[in-house]
C-alpha atoms as a PDB file:
ATOM      1  CA  UNK A   1      61.146  97.456  60.250  1.00  0.00           C
ATOM      2  CA  UNK A   2      63.614  97.272  63.232  1.00  0.00           C
ATOM      3  CA  UNK A   3      66.637  98.946  61.793  1.00  0.00           C
ATOM      4  CA  UNK A   4      68.795  97.563  64.380  1.00  0.00           C
ATOM      5  CA  UNK A   5      67.713  94.002  64.081  1.00  0.00           C
ATOM      6  CA  UNK A   6      67.951  94.336  60.290  1.00  0.00           C
ATOM      7  CA  UNK A   7      71.590  95.682  60.528  1.00  0.00           C
ATOM      8  CA  UNK A   8      72.728  92.986  63.004  1.00  0.00           C
ATOM      9  CA  UNK A   9      71.181  90.039  61.123  1.00  0.00           C
ATOM     10  CA  UNK A  10      72.806  91.379  57.880  1.00  0.00           C
ATOM     11  CA  UNK A  11      76.141  91.512  59.583  1.00  0.00           C
ATOM     12  CA  UNK A  12      75.677  87.918  61.027  1.00  0.00           C
ATOM     13  CA  UNK A  13      74.883  86.551  57.647  1.00  0.00           C
ATOM     14  CA  UNK A  14      77.796  88.243  55.892  1.00  0.00           C
ATOM     15  CA  UNK A  15      80.225  86.988  58.587  1.00  0.00           C
ATOM     16  CA  UNK A  16      79.002  83.447  58.123  1.00  0.00           C
ATOM     17  CA  UNK A  17      79.457  83.853  54.357  1.00  0.00           C
ATOM     18  CA  UNK A  18      82.869  85.235  54.856  1.00  0.00           C
ATOM     19  CA  UNK A  19      84.140  82.451  57.292  1.00  0.00           C
ATOM     20  CA  UNK A  20      82.594  79.582  55.326  1.00  0.00           C
ATOM     21  CA  UNK A  21      83.658  80.871  51.879  1.00  0.00           C
ATOM     22  CA  UNK A  22      87.275  81.401  53.109  1.00  0.00           C
ATOM     23  CA  UNK A  23      87.423  77.892  54.585  1.00  0.00           C
ATOM     24  CA  UNK A  24      85.928  76.377  51.307  1.00  0.00           C
ATOM     25  CA  UNK A  25      88.629  78.299  49.220  1.00  0.00           C
ATOM     26  CA  UNK A  26      91.322  77.311  51.355  1.00  0.00           C
ATOM     27  CA  UNK A  27      90.437  73.612  51.120  1.00  0.00           C
ATOM     28  CA  UNK A  28      89.890  73.555  47.495  1.00  0.00           C
ATOM     29  CA  UNK A  29      93.068  75.403  46.734  1.00  0.00           C
ATOM     30  CA  UNK A  30      95.114  73.086  49.065  1.00  0.00           C
ATOM     31  CA  UNK A  31      93.522  70.062  47.601  1.00  0.00           C
ATOM     32  CA  UNK A  32      94.142  71.278  43.850  1.00  0.00           C
ATOM     33  CA  UNK A  33      97.850  71.885  44.762  1.00  0.00           C
ATOM     34  CA  UNK A  34      98.162  68.418  46.276  1.00  0.00           C
ATOM     35  CA  UNK A  35      96.475  66.913  43.142  1.00  0.00           C
ATOM     36  CA  UNK A  36      98.917  68.916  40.846  1.00  0.00           C
ATOM     37  CA  UNK A  37      96.185  70.937  39.359  1.00  0.00           C
ATOM     38  CA  UNK A  38      97.832  74.149  40.855  1.00  0.00           C
ATOM     39  CA  UNK A  39     101.361  75.032  41.347  1.00  0.00           C
ATOM     40  CA  UNK A  40     100.721  77.461  44.236  1.00  0.00           C
ATOM     41  CA  UNK A  41     101.852  80.672  42.276  1.00  0.00           C
ATOM     42  CA  UNK A  42      98.611  81.325  40.311  1.00  0.00           C
ATOM     43  CA  UNK A  43      96.226  84.295  40.473  1.00  0.00           C
ATOM     44  CA  UNK A  44      92.718  82.824  40.698  1.00  0.00           C
ATOM     45  CA  UNK A  45      89.779  84.684  39.227  1.00  0.00           C
ATOM     46  CA  UNK A  46      86.949  84.458  41.723  1.00  0.00           C
ATOM     47  CA  UNK A  47      83.156  85.502  41.470  1.00  0.00           C
ATOM     48  CA  UNK A  48      80.906  85.579  44.450  1.00  0.00           C
ATOM     49  CA  UNK A  49      77.050  86.010  43.755  1.00  0.00           C
ATOM     50  CA  UNK A  50      74.678  87.051  46.350  1.00  0.00           C
ATOM     51  CA  UNK A  51      70.806  86.261  45.655  1.00  0.00           C
ATOM     52  CA  UNK A  52      67.837  87.334  47.479  1.00  0.00           C
ATOM     53  CA  UNK A  53      64.844  85.981  45.690  1.00  0.00           C
ATOM     54  CA  UNK A  54      62.156  87.607  47.641  1.00  0.00           C
ATOM     55  CA  UNK A  55      63.448  91.101  46.758  1.00  0.00           C
ATOM     56  CA  UNK A  56      64.680  90.062  43.281  1.00  0.00           C
ATOM     57  CA  UNK A  57      68.349  91.071  44.354  1.00  0.00           C
ATOM     58  CA  UNK A  58      71.366  89.527  42.480  1.00  0.00           C
ATOM     59  CA  UNK A  59      74.730  91.153  43.234  1.00  0.00           C
ATOM     60  CA  UNK A  60      77.930  89.862  41.828  1.00  0.00           C
ATOM     61  CA  UNK A  61      81.528  90.779  43.180  1.00  0.00           C
ATOM     62  CA  UNK A  62      84.448  89.681  41.191  1.00  0.00           C
ATOM     63  CA  UNK A  63      87.995  89.703  42.031  1.00  0.00           C
ATOM     64  CA  UNK A  64      91.448  87.821  42.161  1.00  0.00           C
ATOM     65  CA  UNK A  65      92.973  85.619  44.695  1.00  0.00           C
ATOM     66  CA  UNK A  66      96.831  85.512  44.476  1.00  0.00           C
ATOM     67  CA  UNK A  67      98.508  82.423  45.883  1.00  0.00           C
ATOM     68  CA  UNK A  68     101.988  83.853  45.924  1.00  0.00           C
END
Protein backbone atom coordinates (compact mmCIF):
# COMPACT_ATOMS: atom_id res chain seq x y z
CA UNK A 1 0.00 0.00 0.00
CA UNK A 2 1.21 3.50 -0.84
CA UNK A 3 0.76 5.37 2.47
CA UNK A 4 1.15 8.78 0.84
CA UNK A 5 -1.49 8.12 -1.82
CA UNK A 6 -3.77 6.55 0.78
CA UNK A 7 -3.51 9.60 3.05
CA UNK A 8 -4.06 12.08 0.22
CA UNK A 9 -7.15 10.31 -1.12
CA UNK A 10 -8.68 10.04 2.36
CA UNK A 11 -8.17 13.78 2.85
CA UNK A 12 -9.66 14.54 -0.58
CA UNK A 13 -12.70 12.40 0.19
CA UNK A 14 -13.22 14.00 3.61
CA UNK A 15 -12.85 17.49 2.14
CA UNK A 16 -15.53 16.70 -0.45
CA UNK A 17 -17.79 15.27 2.26
CA UNK A 18 -17.33 18.37 4.40
CA UNK A 19 -17.96 20.86 1.61
CA UNK A 20 -21.01 19.11 0.18
CA UNK A 21 -22.51 18.30 3.59
CA UNK A 22 -22.20 21.94 4.70
CA UNK A 23 -23.83 23.13 1.49
CA UNK A 24 -26.73 20.68 1.89
CA UNK A 25 -27.28 21.59 5.54
CA UNK A 26 -27.25 25.33 4.80
CA UNK A 27 -29.72 24.91 1.94
CA UNK A 28 -32.08 22.71 3.95
CA UNK A 29 -32.02 24.99 7.01
CA UNK A 30 -32.67 28.12 4.95
CA UNK A 31 -35.57 26.41 3.16
CA UNK A 32 -37.03 25.17 6.46
CA UNK A 33 -36.88 28.71 7.87
CA UNK A 34 -38.55 30.11 4.73
CA UNK A 35 -41.26 27.45 4.95
CA UNK A 36 -41.87 28.20 8.63
CA UNK A 37 -40.70 24.79 9.87
CA UNK A 38 -37.85 26.40 11.82
CA UNK A 39 -37.61 29.76 13.55
CA UNK A 40 -33.85 30.09 13.21
CA UNK A 41 -33.09 29.71 16.91
CA UNK A 42 -33.08 25.90 17.19
CA UNK A 43 -30.34 23.49 18.11
CA UNK A 44 -30.56 20.67 15.58
CA UNK A 45 -29.43 17.14 16.43
CA UNK A 46 -27.31 15.81 13.58
CA UNK A 47 -25.84 12.43 12.75
CA UNK A 48 -23.33 11.59 10.03
CA UNK A 49 -22.70 7.98 9.07
CA UNK A 50 -19.63 6.88 7.15
CA UNK A 51 -19.83 3.47 5.52
CA UNK A 52 -17.19 1.58 3.55
CA UNK A 53 -18.72 -1.75 2.64
CA UNK A 54 -15.55 -3.42 1.36
CA UNK A 55 -13.96 -3.23 4.82
CA UNK A 56 -17.19 -3.49 6.81
CA UNK A 57 -16.68 -0.05 8.36
CA UNK A 58 -19.56 1.92 9.80
CA UNK A 59 -18.69 5.02 11.81
CA UNK A 60 -21.32 7.35 13.28
CA UNK A 61 -20.66 10.90 14.47
CA UNK A 62 -23.41 12.76 16.34
CA UNK A 63 -23.62 16.36 17.42
CA UNK A 64 -25.69 19.51 17.45
CA UNK A 65 -25.90 22.39 14.99
CA UNK A 66 -26.92 25.65 16.65
CA UNK A 67 -28.76 28.19 14.53
CA UNK A 68 -28.44 31.08 16.98
